[in-house]
Amino acid sequence: MSGEKDLQQLLKSMKPELNTGDYVFCKVENLEKVDLDSIEMFFKEKEAITLILKKETADLLQLEYSVLMAWITLTVHSSLEAVGLTAAFSKALSENEISCNVVAAYYHDHIFVNKKDAKKAIEILNSFSN
């Protein structure tokens, strides 16, 4: 199954879900000292490897981070070829002064917002289904 492509259907059925915990973005030069099972997501960039992990894990590994994030998963199975979903929700969040960092994975879109903005972000995202 390749996922939903219709923007209106995606917006109506995205059903945002707030994952428990505090999440942080960190960087490392390599993964030698990091247990891959402790990482939620990672991406290899030219400059370093970006890790997204629970705050507790970052603290145990003594990794630096700058902001506590909340992790919201859009539970609708969106197609990797869907057009406009990220633009629609990021515009709505930005109109409410909420910064978002988005990761599009195979099944779902994942949105990281400042922990203090999590409740408002969920309200905004849920408003699309009304």
Protein backbone atom coordinates (compact mmCIF):
# COMPACT_ATOMS: atom_id res chain seq x y z
CA MET A 1 0.00 0.00 0.00
CA SER A 2 1.47 3.33 -1.07
CA GLY A 3 -0.45 5.70 1.21
CA GLU A 4 -2.97 8.50 0.76
CA LYS A 5 -2.23 11.22 -1.82
CA ASP A 6 -5.40 13.33 -1.74
CA LEU A 7 -4.63 16.48 0.27
CA GLN A 8 -8.16 17.06 1.56
CA GLN A 9 -8.44 13.46 2.73
CA LEU A 10 -5.01 13.67 4.38
CA LEU A 11 -5.92 16.84 6.25
CA LYS A 12 -9.28 15.46 7.41
CA SER A 13 -7.82 12.15 8.60
CA MET A 14 -4.31 12.99 9.82
CA LYS A 15 -5.23 12.36 13.51
CA PRO A 16 -2.19 13.81 15.27
CA GLU A 17 -0.89 11.80 18.19
CA LEU A 18 1.42 13.22 20.86
CA ASN A 19 4.16 10.74 21.75
CA THR A 20 5.14 10.60 25.42
CA GLY A 21 8.45 12.03 26.56
CA ASP A 22 10.80 14.89 25.84
CA TYR A 23 12.87 14.68 22.66
CA VAL A 24 16.05 16.45 21.57
CA PHE A 25 18.13 16.90 18.44
CA CYS A 26 21.85 16.21 18.88
CA LYS A 27 24.85 15.72 16.64
CA VAL A 28 27.66 13.18 16.64
CA GLU A 29 30.58 12.54 14.32
CA ASN A 30 29.93 8.77 14.21
CA LEU A 31 27.69 6.12 15.77
CA GLU A 32 30.44 4.08 17.46
CA LYS A 33 29.36 4.88 21.04
CA VAL A 34 25.62 5.01 20.36
CA ASP A 35 23.26 2.05 20.70
CA LEU A 36 21.04 2.25 17.61
CA ASP A 37 18.09 0.94 19.64
CA SER A 38 18.25 4.10 21.78
CA ILE A 39 17.82 6.41 18.78
CA GLU A 40 14.37 7.38 17.54
CA MET A 41 15.67 8.74 14.22
CA PHE A 42 18.94 9.74 12.65
CA PHE A 43 20.12 11.38 9.48
CA LYS A 44 23.63 11.52 8.09
CA GLU A 45 24.51 14.99 6.86
CA LYS A 46 27.78 16.24 5.38
CA GLU A 47 28.74 17.98 8.63
CA ALA A 48 27.66 15.36 11.20
CA ILE A 49 25.05 12.76 12.07
CA THR A 50 21.86 14.27 13.50
CA LEU A 51 20.23 12.17 16.21
CA ILE A 52 16.67 12.53 17.47
CA LEU A 53 16.32 10.81 20.80
CA LYS A 54 14.73 11.01 24.21
CA LYS A 55 16.22 13.64 26.49
CA GLU A 56 17.14 10.98 29.06
CA THR A 57 19.20 9.10 26.48
CA ALA A 58 20.99 12.27 25.39
CA ASP A 59 21.76 13.04 29.03
CA LEU A 60 23.16 9.53 29.60
CA LEU A 61 25.35 9.90 26.52
CA GLN A 62 26.34 13.43 27.61
CA LEU A 63 25.23 14.90 24.29
CA GLU A 64 24.51 18.60 23.90
CA TYR A 65 21.08 19.89 22.83
CA SER A 66 19.42 23.27 22.83
CA VAL A 67 15.67 22.76 23.10
CA LEU A 68 13.19 20.22 24.48
CA MET A 69 10.83 19.03 21.79
CA ALA A 70 7.48 17.27 21.72
CA TRP A 71 6.99 14.61 19.03
CA ILE A 72 3.68 14.53 17.17
CA THR A 73 2.91 11.72 14.73
CA LEU A 74 0.28 12.19 12.03
CA THR A 75 -1.27 8.73 12.13
CA VAL A 76 -2.67 8.80 8.59
CA HIS A 77 -0.59 6.74 6.15
CA SER A 78 0.52 9.48 3.79
CA SER A 79 2.13 8.75 0.45
CA LEU A 80 5.69 9.88 -0.08
CA GLU A 81 4.30 11.51 -3.24
CA ALA A 82 1.54 13.46 -1.49
CA VAL A 83 1.61 17.17 -2.33
CA GLY A 84 0.78 19.98 0.08
CA LEU A 85 0.43 18.25 3.45
CA THR A 86 3.61 19.66 4.98
CA ALA A 87 2.87 23.09 3.54
CA ALA A 88 -0.67 23.11 4.98
CA PHE A 89 0.19 22.16 8.55
CA SER A 90 3.45 24.14 8.70
CA LYS A 91 1.61 27.26 7.50
CA ALA A 92 -1.05 26.82 10.20
CA LEU A 93 1.59 26.30 12.87
CA SER A 94 3.67 29.27 11.68
CA GLU A 95 0.61 31.53 11.75
CA ASN A 96 0.49 30.69 15.47
CA GLU A 97 4.24 31.35 15.95
CA ILE A 98 5.02 27.62 16.35
CA SER A 99 8.23 26.37 14.80
CA CYS A 100 8.13 22.81 13.49
CA ASN A 101 10.74 20.33 12.38
CA VAL A 102 9.30 17.66 10.10
CA VAL A 103 10.45 14.14 9.33
CA ALA A 104 8.57 12.27 6.61
CA ALA A 105 9.01 8.53 7.04
CA TYR A 106 7.54 5.69 4.96
CA TYR A 107 4.15 5.51 6.69
CA HIS A 108 3.74 8.75 8.62
CA ASP A 109 4.82 12.35 8.98
CA HIS A 110 6.42 13.29 12.30
CA ILE A 111 6.44 16.82 13.63
CA PHE A 112 8.72 18.09 16.38
CA VAL A 113 7.68 21.29 18.14
CA ASN A 114 8.97 23.08 21.21
CA LYS A 115 7.63 21.25 24.29
CA LYS A 116 5.87 24.42 25.46
CA ASP A 117 3.89 24.56 22.18
CA ALA A 118 2.74 20.92 22.11
CA LYS A 119 -0.82 21.41 23.36
CA LYS A 120 -1.51 24.33 21.01
CA ALA A 121 0.06 22.47 18.07
CA ILE A 122 -2.23 19.47 18.66
CA GLU A 123 -5.25 21.80 18.75
CA ILE A 124 -4.21 23.41 15.47
CA LEU A 125 -3.59 20.07 13.78
CA ASN A 126 -6.90 18.68 15.02
CA SER A 127 -8.72 21.70 13.59
CA PHE A 128 -8.11 20.35 10.06
CA SER A 129 -10.49 17.46 10.71
CA ASN A 130 -13.40 19.77 11.60
